[in-house]
Amino acid sequence: MVHQYKNQVDNLMQREVSRGDFLKFVGVALLGITGVVGFFKNLHDASPSQPSGKKHTSGAGYGSSAYGR
């Protein structure tokens, strides 16, 4: 399987392309990479890492009242 990918990369590197085609290829590759990274980041951010219940701690002083909660 790795040999197959190596052959595909070798064929791609041997092919002559114009500057415009090369820039299009690089642009699509960068968009693909950033899209995949963003997708996994969104999955990580969407997963609940903390319990949904908020722990209430009572104390004296600034912010101890129920106003604004």
N, C-alpha and C. Protein backbone atom coordinates (compact mmCIF):
# COMPACT_ATOMS: atom_id res chain seq x y z
N MET A 1 0.82 -1.18 0.00
CA MET A 1 0.00 0.00 0.00
C MET A 1 0.87 1.26 0.00
N VAL A 2 1.91 1.27 0.80
CA VAL A 2 2.81 2.42 0.86
C VAL A 2 3.52 2.57 -0.49
N HIS A 3 3.85 1.44 -1.10
CA HIS A 3 4.51 1.46 -2.40
C HIS A 3 3.62 2.13 -3.45
N GLN A 4 2.33 1.90 -3.37
CA GLN A 4 1.37 2.50 -4.30
C GLN A 4 1.37 4.03 -4.14
N TYR A 5 1.35 4.51 -2.90
CA TYR A 5 1.37 5.95 -2.67
C TYR A 5 2.69 6.57 -3.12
N LYS A 6 3.78 5.85 -2.89
CA LYS A 6 5.08 6.35 -3.32
C LYS A 6 5.12 6.48 -4.84
N ASN A 7 4.55 5.53 -5.56
CA ASN A 7 4.51 5.62 -7.02
C ASN A 7 3.66 6.80 -7.47
N GLN A 8 2.54 7.05 -6.80
CA GLN A 8 1.69 8.17 -7.17
C GLN A 8 2.40 9.50 -6.95
N VAL A 9 3.13 9.61 -5.83
CA VAL A 9 3.87 10.84 -5.55
C VAL A 9 5.00 11.01 -6.57
N ASP A 10 5.69 9.92 -6.90
CA ASP A 10 6.76 10.00 -7.90
C ASP A 10 6.21 10.44 -9.26
N ASN A 11 5.06 9.89 -9.66
CA ASN A 11 4.45 10.29 -10.93
C ASN A 11 4.05 11.76 -10.91
N LEU A 12 3.54 12.23 -9.79
CA LEU A 12 3.15 13.63 -9.66
C LEU A 12 4.36 14.55 -9.75
N MET A 13 5.46 14.14 -9.14
CA MET A 13 6.66 14.97 -9.14
C MET A 13 7.33 15.00 -10.51
N GLN A 14 7.17 13.97 -11.32
CA GLN A 14 7.79 13.91 -12.64
C GLN A 14 7.00 14.67 -13.70
N ARG A 15 5.74 14.96 -13.44
CA ARG A 15 4.88 15.61 -14.41
C ARG A 15 5.21 17.11 -14.48
N GLU A 16 5.25 17.64 -15.69
CA GLU A 16 5.48 19.07 -15.86
C GLU A 16 4.15 19.80 -15.74
N VAL A 17 4.14 20.86 -14.96
CA VAL A 17 2.93 21.67 -14.79
C VAL A 17 3.30 23.13 -14.98
N SER A 18 2.32 23.91 -15.35
CA SER A 18 2.55 25.35 -15.49
C SER A 18 2.52 26.00 -14.10
N ARG A 19 2.94 27.22 -14.07
CA ARG A 19 2.96 27.95 -12.80
C ARG A 19 1.55 28.09 -12.23
N GLY A 20 0.59 28.37 -13.09
CA GLY A 20 -0.80 28.51 -12.64
C GLY A 20 -1.35 27.20 -12.07
N ASP A 21 -1.06 26.09 -12.75
CA ASP A 21 -1.53 24.79 -12.24
C ASP A 21 -0.88 24.46 -10.91
N PHE A 22 0.41 24.81 -10.78
CA PHE A 22 1.11 24.55 -9.52
C PHE A 22 0.50 25.36 -8.39
N LEU A 23 0.22 26.64 -8.65
CA LEU A 23 -0.38 27.48 -7.61
C LEU A 23 -1.78 27.01 -7.25
N LYS A 24 -2.54 26.54 -8.22
CA LYS A 24 -3.86 25.98 -7.93
C LYS A 24 -3.73 24.74 -7.05
N PHE A 25 -2.79 23.87 -7.38
CA PHE A 25 -2.59 22.66 -6.60
C PHE A 25 -2.18 22.98 -5.16
N VAL A 26 -1.26 23.92 -4.99
CA VAL A 26 -0.82 24.30 -3.65
C VAL A 26 -1.97 24.94 -2.88
N GLY A 27 -2.76 25.79 -3.55
CA GLY A 27 -3.89 26.43 -2.88
C GLY A 27 -4.93 25.43 -2.41
N VAL A 28 -5.24 24.45 -3.27
CA VAL A 28 -6.21 23.42 -2.88
C VAL A 28 -5.66 22.58 -1.73
N ALA A 29 -4.37 22.28 -1.77
CA ALA A 29 -3.76 21.49 -0.69
C ALA A 29 -3.81 22.25 0.63
N LEU A 30 -3.50 23.54 0.61
CA LEU A 30 -3.55 24.34 1.85
C LEU A 30 -4.97 24.45 2.38
N LEU A 31 -5.93 24.68 1.49
CA LEU A 31 -7.33 24.74 1.93
C LEU A 31 -7.78 23.41 2.50
N GLY A 32 -7.34 22.33 1.89
CA GLY A 32 -7.69 21.01 2.39
C GLY A 32 -7.12 20.75 3.78
N ILE A 33 -5.86 21.12 3.96
CA ILE A 33 -5.22 20.90 5.26
C ILE A 33 -5.87 21.75 6.34
N THR A 34 -6.08 23.03 6.05
CA THR A 34 -6.69 23.89 7.06
C THR A 34 -8.13 23.50 7.32
N GLY A 35 -8.82 23.01 6.31
CA GLY A 35 -10.20 22.55 6.50
C GLY A 35 -10.26 21.33 7.40
N VAL A 36 -9.32 20.40 7.22
CA VAL A 36 -9.30 19.20 8.05
C VAL A 36 -8.94 19.57 9.49
N VAL A 37 -7.96 20.44 9.64
CA VAL A 37 -7.56 20.87 10.99
C VAL A 37 -8.71 21.60 11.68
N GLY A 38 -9.39 22.47 10.97
CA GLY A 38 -10.52 23.19 11.55
C GLY A 38 -11.66 22.25 11.91
N PHE A 39 -11.88 21.24 11.07
CA PHE A 39 -12.93 20.26 11.36
C PHE A 39 -12.65 19.52 12.66
N PHE A 40 -11.42 19.05 12.84
CA PHE A 40 -11.08 18.34 14.07
C PHE A 40 -11.09 19.27 15.28
N LYS A 41 -10.72 20.52 15.08
CA LYS A 41 -10.76 21.48 16.19
C LYS A 41 -12.21 21.70 16.62
N ASN A 42 -13.12 21.83 15.66
CA ASN A 42 -14.54 22.00 15.99
C ASN A 42 -15.09 20.77 16.70
N LEU A 43 -14.66 19.59 16.28
CA LEU A 43 -15.10 18.38 16.98
C LEU A 43 -14.61 18.38 18.42
N HIS A 44 -13.37 18.80 18.61
CA HIS A 44 -12.81 18.83 19.96
C HIS A 44 -13.52 19.86 20.83
N ASP A 45 -13.81 21.03 20.25
CA ASP A 45 -14.48 22.08 21.01
C ASP A 45 -15.92 21.73 21.33
N ALA A 46 -16.56 20.94 20.48
CA ALA A 46 -17.96 20.58 20.68
C ALA A 46 -18.13 19.46 21.69
N SER A 47 -17.08 18.68 21.92
CA SER A 47 -17.21 17.58 22.86
C SER A 47 -17.23 18.11 24.29
N PRO A 48 -18.13 17.58 25.11
CA PRO A 48 -18.20 18.06 26.50
C PRO A 48 -17.02 17.57 27.31
N SER A 49 -16.17 18.48 27.71
CA SER A 49 -15.01 18.10 28.51
C SER A 49 -15.29 18.26 30.00
N GLN A 50 -16.33 19.01 30.34
CA GLN A 50 -16.71 19.20 31.73
C GLN A 50 -18.18 18.83 31.87
N PRO A 51 -18.58 18.43 33.05
CA PRO A 51 -20.00 18.15 33.25
C PRO A 51 -20.84 19.39 32.99
N SER A 52 -22.05 19.18 32.51
CA SER A 52 -22.89 20.30 32.14
C SER A 52 -23.40 21.09 33.35
N GLY A 53 -23.48 20.45 34.50
CA GLY A 53 -23.94 21.16 35.69
C GLY A 53 -22.90 22.11 36.20
N LYS A 54 -23.32 23.32 36.50
CA LYS A 54 -22.41 24.33 37.01
C LYS A 54 -22.34 24.19 38.53
N LYS A 55 -21.13 24.16 39.04
CA LYS A 55 -20.98 24.06 40.49
C LYS A 55 -21.14 25.44 41.09
N HIS A 56 -21.96 25.51 42.12
CA HIS A 56 -22.22 26.78 42.78
C HIS A 56 -21.42 26.83 44.07
N THR A 57 -20.56 27.81 44.15
CA THR A 57 -19.81 28.01 45.38
C THR A 57 -20.27 29.33 45.98
N SER A 58 -20.57 29.27 47.23
CA SER A 58 -21.01 30.49 47.89
C SER A 58 -19.87 31.04 48.72
N GLY A 59 -19.80 32.33 48.74
CA GLY A 59 -18.77 32.98 49.51
C GLY A 59 -19.20 34.39 49.82
N ALA A 60 -18.44 35.04 50.62
CA ALA A 60 -18.75 36.41 50.98
C ALA A 60 -17.93 37.34 50.11
N GLY A 61 -18.45 38.54 49.87
CA GLY A 61 -17.69 39.52 49.13
C GLY A 61 -18.25 39.78 47.76
N TYR A 62 -17.45 40.37 46.94
CA TYR A 62 -17.88 40.79 45.60
C TYR A 62 -18.28 39.57 44.76
N GLY A 63 -19.47 39.61 44.19
CA GLY A 63 -19.94 38.52 43.34
C GLY A 63 -20.61 37.38 44.08
N SER A 64 -20.85 37.56 45.36
CA SER A 64 -21.45 36.46 46.12
C SER A 64 -22.96 36.49 46.06
N SER A 65 -23.57 37.54 45.53
CA SER A 65 -25.02 37.61 45.47
C SER A 65 -25.54 36.82 44.28
N ALA A 66 -26.83 36.55 44.28
CA ALA A 66 -27.45 35.78 43.21
C ALA A 66 -27.70 36.62 41.97
N TYR A 67 -27.49 37.92 42.05
CA TYR A 67 -27.74 38.81 40.92
C TYR A 67 -26.75 38.48 39.78
N GLY A 68 -27.30 38.28 38.59
CA GLY A 68 -26.46 38.04 37.44
C GLY A 68 -26.13 36.58 37.19
N ARG A 69 -26.68 35.69 37.96
CA ARG A 69 -26.39 34.25 37.74
C ARG A 69 -27.47 33.61 36.96
